[in-house]
Amino acid sequence: MTSIFEQALGADFQRLHPMLQRRFGVDVDAGYACVGQGTFAEVRRGAWWTVPFLRLGAFRNILFPQRGKDIPFSIENYPYIDSFGRKTVTFVRTLEVNPGKTRRFDATMIYSQETGGIIDYLGTHQHLATGLTLEVLDDGSLRLRSTGQRFYEGFVGFRFPPALTGTAELYESYDDLRQVFTIQMQVRNPVFGFLFGYRGEFTCTFPTVQGDGTPSHLKPVREEKRQ
């Protein structure tokens, strides 16, 4: 069986750097997870007026207002089957923004048979869903870009207009010389420009996962069926 990323990329998955193939090959059938430890050289945010929105996002582990340099972080990618029977992979990033104070980005991803791509659910309660386009670049690195954003809660569901959304663009690559993964991400709004971003590097281990071995604290509190 193939991972959700191999399903989305098709034959292009084989063009990824071999270490990225392993990293994005995490799958319940593959029987392993990917756990990274590293440092963000820089975490940035936009102008002062972005702070209230970033603070609001912090309540559901979506965004946060802190910024800084040389921030230790971890990223945990564990596979599991969600309550709707979908193969799911966690993307939980935990940052030590100050000594003894951490912040988290929570995301869970599935492959969508409807769109033929990845759906990224954001936050602890999967209130936000966005599609992801994936592109393998000539150097074997991976580019991910968000496309549209939907809000779901109870019977409520709507699509945000472009002027009220942030488009995320993320690049991951592998440095053979230093044997580290590199990552950079930025979120921009078509009206207000840059909102948030980070860049850094990390190393990974690939622990074995059997059965329902995904730690419960990495899973969302609430799961959303709508895409």
Protein backbone atom coordinates (compact mmCIF):
# COMPACT_ATOMS: atom_id res chain seq x y z
CA MET A 1 0.00 0.00 0.00
CA THR A 2 1.13 3.57 -0.65
CA SER A 3 1.25 6.52 1.72
CA ILE A 4 -1.17 9.42 1.32
CA PHE A 5 1.64 11.50 -0.19
CA GLU A 6 2.57 8.84 -2.72
CA GLN A 7 -1.11 8.63 -3.67
CA ALA A 8 -1.22 12.40 -4.20
CA LEU A 9 2.07 12.62 -6.11
CA GLY A 10 1.77 9.44 -8.15
CA ALA A 11 4.92 8.63 -10.14
CA ASP A 12 6.50 11.94 -9.05
CA PHE A 13 6.94 10.50 -5.55
CA GLN A 14 9.95 8.56 -6.88
CA ARG A 15 11.57 11.89 -7.87
CA LEU A 16 11.75 12.97 -4.23
CA HIS A 17 15.10 12.72 -2.47
CA PRO A 18 15.28 9.21 -0.92
CA MET A 19 15.20 10.66 2.61
CA LEU A 20 12.09 12.66 1.76
CA GLN A 21 10.53 9.50 0.33
CA ARG A 22 11.12 7.88 3.69
CA ARG A 23 9.81 10.87 5.60
CA PHE A 24 6.64 11.20 3.52
CA GLY A 25 6.23 7.43 3.26
CA VAL A 26 4.77 7.33 6.78
CA ASP A 27 1.69 5.12 6.61
CA VAL A 28 -0.23 2.64 8.77
CA ASP A 29 0.77 -0.16 6.41
CA ALA A 30 4.42 0.90 6.40
CA GLY A 31 4.42 0.52 10.20
CA TYR A 32 6.60 3.46 11.16
CA ALA A 33 6.41 7.11 12.18
CA CYS A 34 8.74 10.06 11.60
CA VAL A 35 9.86 12.11 14.60
CA GLY A 36 12.09 15.12 14.03
CA GLN A 37 14.10 17.31 16.40
CA GLY A 38 15.71 20.55 15.33
CA THR A 39 15.93 24.31 15.50
CA PHE A 40 14.11 27.10 13.75
CA ALA A 41 16.76 29.67 12.86
CA GLU A 42 13.98 32.26 12.74
CA VAL A 43 10.25 32.49 13.46
CA ARG A 44 8.65 35.69 12.13
CA ARG A 45 5.26 37.34 12.10
CA GLY A 46 3.72 40.25 10.24
CA ALA A 47 2.97 43.77 11.43
CA TRP A 48 1.49 44.56 14.85
CA TRP A 49 -2.07 44.24 13.61
CA THR A 50 -1.58 40.52 12.91
CA VAL A 51 -1.08 39.81 16.63
CA PRO A 52 -4.80 39.54 17.60
CA PHE A 53 -5.41 37.00 14.81
CA LEU A 54 -2.33 34.99 15.78
CA ARG A 55 -3.41 35.03 19.44
CA LEU A 56 -6.83 33.76 18.44
CA GLY A 57 -5.25 30.93 16.47
CA ALA A 58 -3.18 29.93 19.50
CA PHE A 59 -6.34 28.73 21.30
CA ARG A 60 -6.66 25.88 18.80
CA ASN A 61 -2.94 25.29 18.07
CA ILE A 62 -3.14 26.85 14.60
CA LEU A 63 -0.87 29.92 14.85
CA PHE A 64 0.70 32.00 17.62
CA PRO A 65 2.14 35.51 18.02
CA GLN A 66 5.60 34.69 19.41
CA ARG A 67 8.67 35.25 17.27
CA GLY A 68 12.37 34.69 17.78
CA LYS A 69 15.56 33.03 16.65
CA ASP A 70 17.20 29.67 17.37
CA ILE A 71 13.98 28.13 18.68
CA PRO A 72 14.11 24.38 19.44
CA PHE A 73 11.25 22.38 17.98
CA SER A 74 9.98 18.89 17.31
CA ILE A 75 7.76 17.57 14.53
CA GLU A 76 5.80 14.34 14.97
CA ASN A 77 4.30 12.48 12.01
CA TYR A 78 2.33 9.44 13.13
CA PRO A 79 -0.06 7.39 10.98
CA TYR A 80 -3.46 6.14 12.13
CA ILE A 81 -6.98 5.39 10.90
CA ASP A 82 -9.43 8.09 11.96
CA SER A 83 -13.02 7.54 13.08
CA PHE A 84 -14.21 7.83 9.47
CA GLY A 85 -11.90 5.05 8.29
CA ARG A 86 -9.45 7.39 6.57
CA LYS A 87 -5.68 6.98 6.57
CA THR A 88 -4.41 9.98 8.52
CA VAL A 89 -0.97 11.39 9.34
CA THR A 90 -0.30 13.84 12.18
CA PHE A 91 1.83 16.93 11.60
CA VAL A 92 2.32 18.27 15.11
CA ARG A 93 5.06 20.85 15.56
CA THR A 94 5.98 21.84 19.13
CA LEU A 95 8.20 24.90 19.67
CA GLU A 96 9.96 25.96 22.87
CA VAL A 97 9.39 29.68 22.31
CA ASN A 98 10.74 30.57 25.77
CA PRO A 99 12.34 28.46 28.51
CA GLY A 100 9.51 26.35 29.90
CA LYS A 101 6.91 27.75 27.44
CA THR A 102 5.83 25.82 24.37
CA ARG A 103 3.54 26.48 21.43
CA ARG A 104 2.07 23.95 18.99
CA PHE A 105 0.94 23.80 15.39
CA ASP A 106 -1.50 20.91 15.06
CA ALA A 107 -2.43 19.47 11.68
CA THR A 108 -3.75 16.13 10.44
CA MET A 109 -3.69 15.17 6.78
CA ILE A 110 -5.65 12.71 4.65
CA TYR A 111 -5.73 11.76 0.98
CA SER A 112 -8.96 12.82 -0.71
CA GLN A 113 -10.45 10.50 -3.28
CA GLU A 114 -12.69 13.40 -4.30
CA THR A 115 -9.92 15.84 -5.19
CA GLY A 116 -7.01 13.47 -5.80
CA GLY A 117 -4.92 15.56 -3.36
CA ILE A 118 -4.19 16.11 0.31
CA ILE A 119 -6.68 17.68 2.73
CA ASP A 120 -5.00 19.40 5.68
CA TYR A 121 -7.12 19.79 8.81
CA LEU A 122 -5.76 22.50 11.09
CA GLY A 123 -5.97 22.82 14.85
CA THR A 124 -7.05 20.68 17.76
CA HIS A 125 -10.67 20.49 16.58
CA GLN A 126 -10.18 20.35 12.78
CA HIS A 127 -12.24 23.53 12.43
CA LEU A 128 -10.22 24.60 9.39
CA ALA A 129 -9.63 22.50 6.28
CA THR A 130 -7.51 23.38 3.29
CA GLY A 131 -6.43 21.58 0.16
CA LEU A 132 -2.72 21.14 -0.55
CA THR A 133 -0.99 21.05 -3.92
CA LEU A 134 2.27 19.09 -3.95
CA GLU A 135 5.14 19.58 -6.37
CA VAL A 136 8.48 17.78 -6.58
CA LEU A 137 11.21 20.21 -7.63
CA ASP A 138 14.24 19.41 -9.78
CA ASP A 139 16.52 19.00 -6.76
CA GLY A 140 14.24 16.39 -5.18
CA SER A 141 12.72 18.79 -2.65
CA LEU A 142 8.99 19.10 -2.01
CA ARG A 143 6.84 22.20 -2.32
CA LEU A 144 3.41 22.30 -0.64
CA ARG A 145 0.92 25.12 -1.15
CA SER A 146 -2.47 25.59 0.47
CA THR A 147 -5.51 26.20 -1.74
CA GLY A 148 -8.60 27.75 -0.20
CA GLN A 149 -9.80 27.42 3.36
CA ARG A 150 -13.04 26.10 4.83
CA PHE A 151 -14.51 26.42 8.33
CA TYR A 152 -16.57 23.62 9.87
CA GLU A 153 -18.37 23.49 13.22
CA GLY A 154 -21.55 21.53 13.88
CA PHE A 155 -24.04 22.30 11.12
CA VAL A 156 -22.02 25.35 10.05
CA GLY A 157 -19.72 25.12 7.07
CA PHE A 158 -18.44 27.83 4.75
CA ARG A 159 -15.52 28.81 2.53
CA PHE A 160 -13.49 31.88 3.43
CA PRO A 161 -13.21 34.55 0.71
CA PRO A 162 -9.62 34.91 -0.57
CA ALA A 163 -9.18 38.32 1.08
CA LEU A 164 -9.70 36.73 4.51
CA THR A 165 -7.41 33.74 4.12
CA GLY A 166 -3.72 33.11 4.41
CA THR A 167 -1.99 31.04 1.74
CA ALA A 168 0.74 28.84 3.17
CA GLU A 169 3.76 27.80 1.11
CA LEU A 170 6.17 25.24 2.52
CA TYR A 171 9.41 23.76 1.21
CA GLU A 172 11.15 20.68 2.57
CA SER A 173 14.48 19.34 1.36
CA TYR A 174 17.38 17.20 2.50
CA ASP A 175 20.98 18.36 2.80
CA ASP A 176 23.22 15.38 1.99
CA LEU A 177 26.39 17.09 3.16
CA ARG A 178 25.11 17.90 6.65
CA GLN A 179 22.57 15.06 6.76
CA VAL A 180 19.69 17.25 7.91
CA PHE A 181 16.20 18.03 6.68
CA THR A 182 15.55 21.70 5.95
CA ILE A 183 12.20 23.42 6.13
CA GLN A 184 10.84 26.88 5.41
CA MET A 185 7.27 28.14 5.45
CA GLN A 186 5.44 31.41 5.05
CA VAL A 187 1.80 32.44 5.21
CA ARG A 188 0.70 35.40 3.11
CA ASN A 189 -2.59 37.21 2.57
CA PRO A 190 -3.43 38.70 -0.87
CA VAL A 191 -4.35 42.04 0.73
CA PHE A 192 -2.17 42.33 3.83
CA GLY A 193 0.94 40.49 2.67
CA PHE A 194 3.18 38.48 4.98
CA LEU A 195 1.51 37.06 8.11
CA PHE A 196 3.74 34.39 9.58
CA GLY A 197 6.71 32.18 8.73
CA TYR A 198 9.68 30.15 9.87
CA ARG A 199 12.83 28.43 8.59
CA GLY A 200 15.00 25.77 10.18
CA GLU A 201 16.47 22.30 10.04
CA PHE A 202 16.03 19.00 11.83
CA THR A 203 17.06 15.36 12.01
CA CYS A 204 14.63 12.43 12.14
CA THR A 205 14.16 9.04 13.69
CA PHE A 206 11.66 6.53 12.34
CA PRO A 207 10.15 4.61 15.27
CA THR A 208 8.11 1.48 14.63
CA VAL A 209 4.34 1.87 15.07
CA GLN A 210 2.13 -1.18 15.40
CA GLY A 211 -1.66 -1.18 15.61
CA ASP A 212 -3.06 1.95 17.17
CA GLY A 213 0.32 3.10 18.41
CA THR A 214 -0.11 6.80 17.69
CA PRO A 215 0.08 8.81 20.94
CA SER A 216 -3.38 10.11 21.85
CA HIS A 217 -2.12 13.64 22.58
CA LEU A 218 -1.19 14.03 18.89
CA LYS A 219 -4.70 13.27 17.65
CA PRO A 220 -7.37 15.98 17.29
CA VAL A 221 -10.00 16.42 19.99
CA ARG A 222 -12.70 16.46 17.30
CA GLU A 223 -12.66 14.98 13.80
CA GLU A 224 -14.33 16.49 10.75
CA LYS A 225 -15.71 14.42 7.88
CA ARG A 226 -16.31 17.29 5.46
CA GLN A 227 -13.49 18.25 3.14
